[in-house]
Amino acid sequence: MKKSITAVKLISLFMFNWIVFSIQNPYLLTVLFFVLLILLYIAKAEIKKRLFAILPVAVAIIIFQIIFYLWAPFTQRLLFGFIAAIKIVLVSLSVLTFLSYTSLFSLIKLFDFLPQDILLILMITAYLIPSIFIEAEKIRIVQKSRNIKASSFSSLPAIIIPLLHRVFQRAETISLTILARGYKSKII
């Protein structure tokens, strides 16, 4: 039963994103944007972090549309940029909504028909991605306490290098655990 619900959610996600890419009406796209924001607010998802990550991309898309499509009038370029940007934001928020309402365990159980090697890769990836963001936030806080500003471009190595170290350390621990438990794989 849970598998079918998860499958319906996944198919709904694909269909929603297909519909979003087909719509050209900016008013309808804006309404969809606010509906997703309400759903995410109800799910208590971290909307702020996702918006702070995707809004610079959306603004860059609008600016590129304005700068590079000189054949169209300014208002049309602005409209094209807005439509393209809101579509990217909607896809990002729809994935966040899907992940807010679907547990990772049920998503992996949906793909249990895959070979064990592929399923293991999916599980490890699903485990590592959120932990990378948590580690990056911890490193940023530590570097901030050392008076290194995380907002400047020059301080990027102060976050990236310790993050890479921790990610590789965690990956090595996982691979040693897999080998110690006797899991034989063609991948490892």
N, C-alpha and C. Protein backbone atom coordinates (compact mmCIF):
# COMPACT_ATOMS: atom_id res chain seq x y z
N MET A 1 0.83 -1.21 0.00
CA MET A 1 0.00 0.00 0.00
C MET A 1 0.86 1.26 0.00
N LYS A 2 1.89 1.28 0.90
CA LYS A 2 2.76 2.45 0.95
C LYS A 2 3.53 2.64 -0.34
N LYS A 3 3.90 1.52 -0.98
CA LYS A 3 4.62 1.59 -2.24
C LYS A 3 3.79 2.28 -3.31
N SER A 4 2.52 1.94 -3.35
CA SER A 4 1.66 2.55 -4.38
C SER A 4 1.45 4.04 -4.11
N ILE A 5 1.36 4.41 -2.84
CA ILE A 5 1.20 5.84 -2.51
C ILE A 5 2.46 6.60 -2.91
N THR A 6 3.62 6.03 -2.62
CA THR A 6 4.87 6.67 -3.01
C THR A 6 4.99 6.75 -4.52
N ALA A 7 4.58 5.70 -5.22
CA ALA A 7 4.62 5.71 -6.68
C ALA A 7 3.70 6.79 -7.24
N VAL A 8 2.52 6.94 -6.65
CA VAL A 8 1.60 7.99 -7.10
C VAL A 8 2.21 9.37 -6.86
N LYS A 9 2.85 9.54 -5.72
CA LYS A 9 3.50 10.83 -5.43
C LYS A 9 4.60 11.13 -6.44
N LEU A 10 5.40 10.11 -6.77
CA LEU A 10 6.49 10.31 -7.72
C LEU A 10 5.96 10.62 -9.12
N ILE A 11 4.95 9.90 -9.54
CA ILE A 11 4.33 10.18 -10.85
C ILE A 11 3.71 11.57 -10.85
N SER A 12 3.09 11.95 -9.73
CA SER A 12 2.50 13.29 -9.62
C SER A 12 3.58 14.37 -9.73
N LEU A 13 4.73 14.10 -9.13
CA LEU A 13 5.84 15.06 -9.23
C LEU A 13 6.27 15.24 -10.68
N PHE A 14 6.44 14.14 -11.39
CA PHE A 14 6.83 14.24 -12.81
C PHE A 14 5.77 14.94 -13.63
N MET A 15 4.50 14.62 -13.39
CA MET A 15 3.42 15.26 -14.14
C MET A 15 3.33 16.75 -13.83
N PHE A 16 3.47 17.10 -12.55
CA PHE A 16 3.42 18.51 -12.17
C PHE A 16 4.52 19.29 -12.87
N ASN A 17 5.74 18.74 -12.87
CA ASN A 17 6.85 19.44 -13.52
C ASN A 17 6.66 19.52 -15.03
N TRP A 18 6.08 18.49 -15.62
CA TRP A 18 5.78 18.54 -17.05
C TRP A 18 4.76 19.64 -17.34
N ILE A 19 3.74 19.74 -16.49
CA ILE A 19 2.72 20.79 -16.65
C ILE A 19 3.36 22.17 -16.48
N VAL A 20 4.23 22.30 -15.48
CA VAL A 20 4.90 23.59 -15.25
C VAL A 20 5.69 24.02 -16.48
N PHE A 21 6.39 23.08 -17.11
CA PHE A 21 7.17 23.43 -18.29
C PHE A 21 6.29 23.72 -19.50
N SER A 22 5.03 23.25 -19.48
CA SER A 22 4.13 23.53 -20.60
C SER A 22 3.41 24.87 -20.47
N ILE A 23 3.24 25.35 -19.26
CA ILE A 23 2.48 26.58 -19.02
C ILE A 23 3.31 27.79 -19.44
N GLN A 24 2.67 28.71 -20.13
CA GLN A 24 3.32 29.96 -20.52
C GLN A 24 2.68 31.19 -19.86
N ASN A 25 1.63 30.97 -19.08
CA ASN A 25 0.92 32.06 -18.43
C ASN A 25 1.63 32.44 -17.13
N PRO A 26 2.16 33.66 -17.04
CA PRO A 26 2.91 34.04 -15.83
C PRO A 26 2.02 34.13 -14.59
N TYR A 27 0.73 34.45 -14.77
CA TYR A 27 -0.17 34.54 -13.61
C TYR A 27 -0.43 33.15 -13.01
N LEU A 28 -0.64 32.18 -13.86
CA LEU A 28 -0.86 30.82 -13.39
C LEU A 28 0.40 30.26 -12.72
N LEU A 29 1.56 30.56 -13.29
CA LEU A 29 2.82 30.11 -12.68
C LEU A 29 3.02 30.75 -11.31
N THR A 30 2.63 32.02 -11.18
CA THR A 30 2.76 32.70 -9.89
C THR A 30 1.81 32.09 -8.86
N VAL A 31 0.59 31.74 -9.28
CA VAL A 31 -0.36 31.09 -8.37
C VAL A 31 0.20 29.74 -7.91
N LEU A 32 0.76 28.97 -8.84
CA LEU A 32 1.38 27.69 -8.47
C LEU A 32 2.52 27.89 -7.48
N PHE A 33 3.29 28.95 -7.68
CA PHE A 33 4.39 29.26 -6.77
C PHE A 33 3.87 29.47 -5.35
N PHE A 34 2.79 30.25 -5.20
CA PHE A 34 2.26 30.52 -3.87
C PHE A 34 1.59 29.28 -3.27
N VAL A 35 0.98 28.44 -4.10
CA VAL A 35 0.40 27.19 -3.60
C VAL A 35 1.50 26.29 -3.04
N LEU A 36 2.62 26.20 -3.75
CA LEU A 36 3.73 25.38 -3.25
C LEU A 36 4.32 25.96 -1.97
N LEU A 37 4.39 27.29 -1.89
CA LEU A 37 4.89 27.90 -0.66
C LEU A 37 3.98 27.57 0.53
N ILE A 38 2.67 27.58 0.29
CA ILE A 38 1.73 27.23 1.37
C ILE A 38 1.89 25.77 1.77
N LEU A 39 2.02 24.88 0.80
CA LEU A 39 2.22 23.45 1.11
C LEU A 39 3.51 23.23 1.89
N LEU A 40 4.56 23.94 1.50
CA LEU A 40 5.83 23.80 2.21
C LEU A 40 5.75 24.39 3.61
N TYR A 41 5.01 25.47 3.77
CA TYR A 41 4.83 26.06 5.09
C TYR A 41 4.08 25.09 6.00
N ILE A 42 3.06 24.42 5.45
CA ILE A 42 2.30 23.44 6.22
C ILE A 42 3.19 22.26 6.61
N ALA A 43 4.06 21.84 5.70
CA ALA A 43 4.96 20.72 5.97
C ALA A 43 6.14 21.11 6.85
N LYS A 44 6.25 22.38 7.18
CA LYS A 44 7.34 22.90 8.00
C LYS A 44 8.70 22.62 7.38
N ALA A 45 8.76 22.74 6.07
CA ALA A 45 10.02 22.54 5.35
C ALA A 45 10.88 23.80 5.46
N GLU A 46 12.14 23.65 5.16
CA GLU A 46 13.06 24.79 5.24
C GLU A 46 13.00 25.57 3.94
N ILE A 47 11.95 26.37 3.82
CA ILE A 47 11.71 27.14 2.59
C ILE A 47 12.78 28.20 2.41
N LYS A 48 13.17 28.83 3.50
CA LYS A 48 14.10 29.95 3.41
C LYS A 48 15.43 29.55 2.78
N LYS A 49 15.97 28.40 3.22
CA LYS A 49 17.25 27.95 2.66
C LYS A 49 17.13 27.64 1.17
N ARG A 50 16.02 26.98 0.80
CA ARG A 50 15.84 26.64 -0.62
C ARG A 50 15.68 27.89 -1.46
N LEU A 51 14.92 28.86 -0.96
CA LEU A 51 14.72 30.10 -1.73
C LEU A 51 16.02 30.89 -1.83
N PHE A 52 16.80 30.93 -0.75
CA PHE A 52 18.08 31.65 -0.82
C PHE A 52 19.04 30.98 -1.78
N ALA A 53 18.90 29.67 -1.97
CA ALA A 53 19.77 28.97 -2.91
C ALA A 53 19.32 29.16 -4.35
N ILE A 54 18.00 29.21 -4.58
CA ILE A 54 17.49 29.22 -5.96
C ILE A 54 17.21 30.64 -6.47
N LEU A 55 16.98 31.60 -5.59
CA LEU A 55 16.66 32.96 -6.06
C LEU A 55 17.80 33.63 -6.83
N PRO A 56 19.07 33.47 -6.44
CA PRO A 56 20.13 34.05 -7.28
C PRO A 56 20.15 33.48 -8.70
N VAL A 57 19.83 32.20 -8.82
CA VAL A 57 19.76 31.59 -10.15
C VAL A 57 18.61 32.21 -10.94
N ALA A 58 17.47 32.40 -10.28
CA ALA A 58 16.32 33.00 -10.94
C ALA A 58 16.61 34.43 -11.39
N VAL A 59 17.26 35.19 -10.54
CA VAL A 59 17.61 36.57 -10.90
C VAL A 59 18.60 36.58 -12.06
N ALA A 60 19.56 35.66 -12.05
CA ALA A 60 20.52 35.58 -13.15
C ALA A 60 19.82 35.23 -14.46
N ILE A 61 18.84 34.35 -14.41
CA ILE A 61 18.09 34.01 -15.62
C ILE A 61 17.37 35.23 -16.18
N ILE A 62 16.75 35.99 -15.31
CA ILE A 62 16.04 37.20 -15.75
C ILE A 62 17.03 38.20 -16.36
N ILE A 63 18.16 38.39 -15.71
CA ILE A 63 19.16 39.34 -16.23
C ILE A 63 19.70 38.87 -17.58
N PHE A 64 19.97 37.58 -17.73
CA PHE A 64 20.45 37.07 -19.01
C PHE A 64 19.41 37.25 -20.11
N GLN A 65 18.15 37.04 -19.78
CA GLN A 65 17.09 37.24 -20.78
C GLN A 65 17.05 38.71 -21.21
N ILE A 66 17.21 39.60 -20.26
CA ILE A 66 17.17 41.04 -20.59
C ILE A 66 18.38 41.44 -21.43
N ILE A 67 19.54 40.92 -21.08
CA ILE A 67 20.77 41.33 -21.76
C ILE A 67 20.90 40.72 -23.15
N PHE A 68 20.59 39.43 -23.29
CA PHE A 68 20.95 38.73 -24.52
C PHE A 68 19.86 38.64 -25.58
N TYR A 69 18.63 38.91 -25.25
CA TYR A 69 17.56 38.88 -26.26
C TYR A 69 17.22 40.30 -26.68
N LEU A 70 18.12 40.90 -27.38
CA LEU A 70 17.94 42.30 -27.78
C LEU A 70 16.93 42.47 -28.91
N TRP A 71 16.56 41.39 -29.59
CA TRP A 71 15.60 41.48 -30.68
C TRP A 71 14.19 41.76 -30.19
N ALA A 72 13.91 41.48 -28.91
CA ALA A 72 12.56 41.66 -28.36
C ALA A 72 12.51 42.95 -27.54
N PRO A 73 11.32 43.53 -27.43
CA PRO A 73 11.18 44.71 -26.56
C PRO A 73 11.50 44.36 -25.11
N PHE A 74 11.84 45.37 -24.33
CA PHE A 74 12.27 45.16 -22.95
C PHE A 74 11.21 44.44 -22.13
N THR A 75 9.95 44.82 -22.24
CA THR A 75 8.91 44.17 -21.43
C THR A 75 8.76 42.69 -21.77
N GLN A 76 8.92 42.38 -23.05
CA GLN A 76 8.83 40.97 -23.45
C GLN A 76 10.04 40.19 -22.93
N ARG A 77 11.22 40.79 -22.96
CA ARG A 77 12.41 40.12 -22.41
C ARG A 77 12.25 39.88 -20.92
N LEU A 78 11.70 40.88 -20.23
CA LEU A 78 11.47 40.75 -18.79
C LEU A 78 10.45 39.63 -18.52
N LEU A 79 9.41 39.57 -19.34
CA LEU A 79 8.40 38.53 -19.19
C LEU A 79 8.98 37.14 -19.47
N PHE A 80 9.77 37.00 -20.53
CA PHE A 80 10.44 35.72 -20.83
C PHE A 80 11.34 35.30 -19.67
N GLY A 81 12.09 36.26 -19.14
CA GLY A 81 12.97 35.96 -18.02
C GLY A 81 12.21 35.53 -16.79
N PHE A 82 11.09 36.21 -16.51
CA PHE A 82 10.28 35.86 -15.35
C PHE A 82 9.70 34.46 -15.50
N ILE A 83 9.18 34.15 -16.69
CA ILE A 83 8.58 32.84 -16.92
C ILE A 83 9.63 31.73 -16.76
N ALA A 84 10.81 31.93 -17.34
CA ALA A 84 11.87 30.92 -17.22
C ALA A 84 12.31 30.78 -15.76
N ALA A 85 12.46 31.89 -15.06
CA ALA A 85 12.92 31.85 -13.68
C ALA A 85 11.89 31.19 -12.77
N ILE A 86 10.63 31.53 -12.94
CA ILE A 86 9.60 30.96 -12.06
C ILE A 86 9.45 29.46 -12.31
N LYS A 87 9.69 29.03 -13.55
CA LYS A 87 9.63 27.59 -13.83
C LYS A 87 10.73 26.84 -13.09
N ILE A 88 11.93 27.41 -13.09
CA ILE A 88 13.05 26.77 -12.37
C ILE A 88 12.76 26.74 -10.86
N VAL A 89 12.23 27.83 -10.34
CA VAL A 89 11.90 27.89 -8.92
C VAL A 89 10.80 26.89 -8.59
N LEU A 90 9.79 26.78 -9.46
CA LEU A 90 8.70 25.84 -9.23
C LEU A 90 9.18 24.39 -9.22
N VAL A 91 10.08 24.05 -10.13
CA VAL A 91 10.61 22.68 -10.15
C VAL A 91 11.38 22.41 -8.86
N SER A 92 12.19 23.35 -8.44
CA SER A 92 12.95 23.18 -7.20
C SER A 92 12.02 23.03 -6.00
N LEU A 93 11.00 23.88 -5.92
CA LEU A 93 10.07 23.81 -4.79
C LEU A 93 9.20 22.56 -4.86
N SER A 94 8.88 22.09 -6.07
CA SER A 94 8.07 20.87 -6.16
C SER A 94 8.86 19.66 -5.66
N VAL A 95 10.15 19.62 -5.94
CA VAL A 95 10.98 18.52 -5.43
C VAL A 95 11.08 18.62 -3.91
N LEU A 96 11.23 19.83 -3.38
CA LEU A 96 11.27 20.00 -1.93
C LEU A 96 9.94 19.59 -1.31
N THR A 97 8.83 19.94 -1.95
CA THR A 97 7.52 19.53 -1.45
C THR A 97 7.39 18.01 -1.45
N PHE A 98 7.82 17.39 -2.55
CA PHE A 98 7.77 15.92 -2.64
C PHE A 98 8.58 15.28 -1.53
N LEU A 99 9.78 15.78 -1.29
CA LEU A 99 10.63 15.20 -0.26
C LEU A 99 10.13 15.53 1.15
N SER A 100 9.36 16.60 1.29
CA SER A 100 8.80 16.93 2.60
C SER A 100 7.65 16.00 2.97
N TYR A 101 6.93 15.52 1.97
CA TYR A 101 5.78 14.65 2.22
C TYR A 101 6.07 13.17 1.97
N THR A 102 7.28 12.83 1.57
CA THR A 102 7.63 11.44 1.29
C THR A 102 8.88 11.08 2.08
N SER A 103 8.80 9.99 2.81
CA SER A 103 9.98 9.59 3.57
C SER A 103 11.01 8.97 2.64
N LEU A 104 12.25 9.11 3.00
CA LEU A 104 13.33 8.56 2.21
C LEU A 104 13.27 7.04 2.17
N PHE A 105 12.86 6.45 3.27
CA PHE A 105 12.75 4.99 3.34
C PHE A 105 11.71 4.48 2.33
N SER A 106 10.55 5.14 2.26
CA SER A 106 9.52 4.68 1.32
C SER A 106 9.94 4.91 -0.13
N LEU A 107 10.73 5.95 -0.36
CA LEU A 107 11.22 6.20 -1.71
C LEU A 107 12.21 5.12 -2.14
N ILE A 108 13.08 4.71 -1.23
CA ILE A 108 14.04 3.65 -1.54
C ILE A 108 13.31 2.31 -1.68
N LYS A 109 12.29 2.07 -0.85
CA LYS A 109 11.51 0.83 -0.96
C LYS A 109 10.80 0.75 -2.31
N LEU A 110 10.48 1.89 -2.89
CA LEU A 110 9.82 1.90 -4.20
C LEU A 110 10.74 1.34 -5.28
N PHE A 111 12.04 1.53 -5.11
CA PHE A 111 13.01 1.08 -6.10
C PHE A 111 13.68 -0.23 -5.70
N ASP A 112 13.02 -1.04 -4.88
CA ASP A 112 13.64 -2.30 -4.45
C ASP A 112 13.75 -3.34 -5.57
N PHE A 113 13.17 -3.07 -6.73
CA PHE A 113 13.31 -3.97 -7.87
C PHE A 113 14.67 -3.81 -8.55
N LEU A 114 15.39 -2.75 -8.24
CA LEU A 114 16.70 -2.52 -8.82
C LEU A 114 17.72 -3.51 -8.26
N PRO A 115 18.81 -3.74 -8.98
CA PRO A 115 19.86 -4.61 -8.44
C PRO A 115 20.41 -4.05 -7.11
N GLN A 116 20.91 -4.93 -6.28
CA GLN A 116 21.38 -4.55 -4.95
C GLN A 116 22.47 -3.48 -5.00
N ASP A 117 23.35 -3.55 -6.00
CA ASP A 117 24.43 -2.56 -6.10
C ASP A 117 23.86 -1.16 -6.31
N ILE A 118 22.92 -1.05 -7.21
CA ILE A 118 22.31 0.25 -7.51
C ILE A 118 21.52 0.75 -6.31
N LEU A 119 20.80 -0.14 -5.65
CA LEU A 119 20.03 0.24 -4.47
C LEU A 119 20.94 0.72 -3.35
N LEU A 120 22.09 0.08 -3.20
CA LEU A 120 23.06 0.50 -2.19
C LEU A 120 23.58 1.90 -2.52
N ILE A 121 23.86 2.15 -3.77
CA ILE A 121 24.33 3.49 -4.19
C ILE A 121 23.26 4.53 -3.89
N LEU A 122 22.01 4.21 -4.18
CA LEU A 122 20.91 5.15 -3.88
C LEU A 122 20.83 5.45 -2.39
N MET A 123 20.94 4.41 -1.57
CA MET A 123 20.83 4.61 -0.13
C MET A 123 22.00 5.45 0.40
N ILE A 124 23.19 5.15 -0.06
CA ILE A 124 24.36 5.91 0.41
C ILE A 124 24.26 7.36 -0.04
N THR A 125 23.85 7.57 -1.27
CA THR A 125 23.69 8.94 -1.77
C THR A 125 22.63 9.68 -0.98
N ALA A 126 21.52 9.02 -0.73
CA ALA A 126 20.45 9.65 0.04
C ALA A 126 20.90 9.97 1.46
N TYR A 127 21.81 9.19 1.99
CA TYR A 127 22.34 9.44 3.32
C TYR A 127 23.36 10.57 3.31
N LEU A 128 24.23 10.59 2.31
CA LEU A 128 25.33 11.55 2.30
C LEU A 128 24.92 12.98 1.96
N ILE A 129 23.96 13.15 1.08
CA ILE A 129 23.61 14.50 0.64
C ILE A 129 23.13 15.38 1.79
N PRO A 130 22.15 14.95 2.60
CA PRO A 130 21.76 15.81 3.72
C PRO A 130 22.88 16.02 4.73
N SER A 131 23.69 14.99 4.95
CA SER A 131 24.77 15.14 5.93
C SER A 131 25.83 16.11 5.45
N ILE A 132 26.02 16.23 4.14
CA ILE A 132 26.98 17.21 3.60
C ILE A 132 26.52 18.62 3.94
N PHE A 133 25.23 18.88 3.79
CA PHE A 133 24.72 20.22 4.11
C PHE A 133 24.83 20.52 5.61
N ILE A 134 24.61 19.51 6.43
CA ILE A 134 24.73 19.70 7.88
C ILE A 134 26.19 19.99 8.24
N GLU A 135 27.11 19.22 7.66
CA GLU A 135 28.54 19.43 7.91
C GLU A 135 28.98 20.81 7.42
N ALA A 136 28.50 21.24 6.27
CA ALA A 136 28.87 22.56 5.73
C ALA A 136 28.40 23.66 6.67
N GLU A 137 27.21 23.50 7.23
CA GLU A 137 26.69 24.51 8.17
C GLU A 137 27.53 24.54 9.45
N LYS A 138 27.94 23.36 9.94
CA LYS A 138 28.80 23.31 11.13
C LYS A 138 30.14 23.97 10.86
N ILE A 139 30.73 23.69 9.70
CA ILE A 139 32.02 24.29 9.35
C ILE A 139 31.88 25.81 9.21
N ARG A 140 30.78 26.26 8.62
CA ARG A 140 30.56 27.70 8.46
C ARG A 140 30.48 28.38 9.83
N ILE A 141 29.81 27.74 10.78
CA ILE A 141 29.68 28.31 12.13
C ILE A 141 31.05 28.36 12.81
N VAL A 142 31.84 27.30 12.68
CA VAL A 142 33.18 27.27 13.28
C VAL A 142 34.06 28.35 12.65
N GLN A 143 34.01 28.48 11.33
CA GLN A 143 34.83 29.49 10.66
C GLN A 143 34.37 30.91 11.02
N LYS A 144 33.08 31.05 11.25
CA LYS A 144 32.55 32.36 11.66
C LYS A 144 33.05 32.71 13.06
N SER A 145 33.16 31.69 13.94
CA SER A 145 33.68 31.95 15.28
C SER A 145 35.16 32.31 15.25
N ARG A 146 35.84 31.91 14.17
CA ARG A 146 37.25 32.27 13.97
C ARG A 146 37.40 33.58 13.22
N ASN A 147 36.29 34.26 13.05
CA ASN A 147 36.24 35.57 12.38
C ASN A 147 36.56 35.48 10.89
N ILE A 148 36.18 34.37 10.26
CA ILE A 148 36.29 34.24 8.81
C ILE A 148 34.90 34.43 8.24
N LYS A 149 34.74 35.44 7.42
CA LYS A 149 33.42 35.75 6.88
C LYS A 149 33.07 34.76 5.77
N ALA A 150 31.95 34.05 5.94
CA ALA A 150 31.54 33.03 4.97
C ALA A 150 30.94 33.65 3.71
N SER A 151 30.62 34.92 3.76
CA SER A 151 29.98 35.54 2.60
C SER A 151 30.98 35.96 1.53
N SER A 152 32.25 36.09 1.89
CA SER A 152 33.22 36.54 0.90
C SER A 152 33.73 35.36 0.08
N PHE A 153 34.07 35.63 -1.17
CA PHE A 153 34.53 34.59 -2.09
C PHE A 153 35.89 34.04 -1.68
N SER A 154 36.72 34.88 -1.07
CA SER A 154 38.06 34.44 -0.68
C SER A 154 38.04 33.45 0.48
N SER A 155 36.94 33.42 1.25
CA SER A 155 36.86 32.49 2.37
C SER A 155 36.26 31.14 1.96
N LEU A 156 35.97 30.96 0.70
CA LEU A 156 35.39 29.70 0.22
C LEU A 156 36.28 28.49 0.51
N PRO A 157 37.61 28.57 0.31
CA PRO A 157 38.45 27.42 0.65
C PRO A 157 38.40 27.05 2.14
N ALA A 158 38.13 28.03 3.00
CA ALA A 158 38.06 27.75 4.43
C ALA A 158 36.86 26.87 4.78
N ILE A 159 35.88 26.80 3.89
CA ILE A 159 34.73 25.94 4.10
C ILE A 159 34.86 24.67 3.26
N ILE A 160 35.29 24.81 2.02
CA ILE A 160 35.33 23.68 1.08
C ILE A 160 36.36 22.62 1.51
N ILE A 161 37.55 23.04 1.92
CA ILE A 161 38.61 22.07 2.24
C ILE A 161 38.24 21.20 3.44
N PRO A 162 37.79 21.77 4.57
CA PRO A 162 37.36 20.88 5.67
C PRO A 162 36.14 20.03 5.30
N LEU A 163 35.26 20.58 4.46
CA LEU A 163 34.09 19.82 4.04
C LEU A 163 34.50 18.61 3.20
N LEU A 164 35.41 18.81 2.27
CA LEU A 164 35.90 17.69 1.47
C LEU A 164 36.56 16.62 2.35
N HIS A 165 37.34 17.08 3.33
CA HIS A 165 38.00 16.15 4.25
C HIS A 165 36.96 15.30 4.98
N ARG A 166 35.92 15.95 5.49
CA ARG A 166 34.90 15.21 6.24
C ARG A 166 34.10 14.27 5.34
N VAL A 167 33.81 14.71 4.13
CA VAL A 167 33.05 13.87 3.20
C VAL A 167 33.86 12.63 2.83
N PHE A 168 35.13 12.81 2.52
CA PHE A 168 35.97 11.66 2.18
C PHE A 168 36.15 10.74 3.37
N GLN A 169 36.25 11.32 4.55
CA GLN A 169 36.38 10.51 5.77
C GLN A 169 35.12 9.67 5.98
N ARG A 170 33.97 10.29 5.79
CA ARG A 170 32.71 9.57 5.96
C ARG A 170 32.54 8.50 4.88
N ALA A 171 32.91 8.81 3.64
CA ALA A 171 32.81 7.82 2.56
C ALA A 171 33.72 6.63 2.82
N GLU A 172 34.91 6.89 3.36
CA GLU A 172 35.82 5.79 3.68
C GLU A 172 35.25 4.93 4.80
N THR A 173 34.65 5.55 5.79
CA THR A 173 34.03 4.79 6.88
C THR A 173 32.90 3.91 6.36
N ILE A 174 32.11 4.46 5.46
CA ILE A 174 31.00 3.68 4.89
C ILE A 174 31.53 2.51 4.08
N SER A 175 32.55 2.76 3.26
CA SER A 175 33.07 1.67 2.43
C SER A 175 33.71 0.58 3.29
N LEU A 176 34.41 0.97 4.36
CA LEU A 176 34.99 -0.04 5.26
C LEU A 176 33.91 -0.83 5.98
N THR A 177 32.83 -0.17 6.34
CA THR A 177 31.72 -0.85 6.99
C THR A 177 31.07 -1.87 6.04
N ILE A 178 30.90 -1.46 4.79
CA ILE A 178 30.31 -2.35 3.80
C ILE A 178 31.20 -3.58 3.60
N LEU A 179 32.52 -3.36 3.49
CA LEU A 179 33.44 -4.48 3.31
C LEU A 179 33.50 -5.37 4.55
N ALA A 180 33.45 -4.76 5.74
CA ALA A 180 33.52 -5.53 6.98
C ALA A 180 32.30 -6.42 7.17
N ARG A 181 31.17 -5.99 6.64
CA ARG A 181 29.95 -6.79 6.77
C ARG A 181 29.83 -7.85 5.68
N GLY A 182 30.84 -7.93 4.83
CA GLY A 182 30.88 -9.00 3.85
C GLY A 182 30.07 -8.74 2.59
N TYR A 183 29.75 -7.50 2.33
CA TYR A 183 28.97 -7.19 1.12
C TYR A 183 29.92 -7.23 -0.08
N LYS A 184 29.66 -8.12 -0.99
CA LYS A 184 30.48 -8.23 -2.19
C LYS A 184 29.80 -7.44 -3.29
N SER A 185 30.58 -6.61 -3.93
CA SER A 185 30.02 -5.79 -4.99
C SER A 185 31.01 -5.62 -6.12
N LYS A 186 30.49 -5.43 -7.31
CA LYS A 186 31.33 -5.15 -8.46
C LYS A 186 31.77 -3.69 -8.46
N ILE A 187 31.05 -2.87 -7.72
CA ILE A 187 31.32 -1.43 -7.73
C ILE A 187 32.50 -1.10 -6.84
N ILE A 188 32.59 -1.73 -5.69
CA ILE A 188 33.62 -1.40 -4.71
C ILE A 188 34.93 -2.07 -5.08
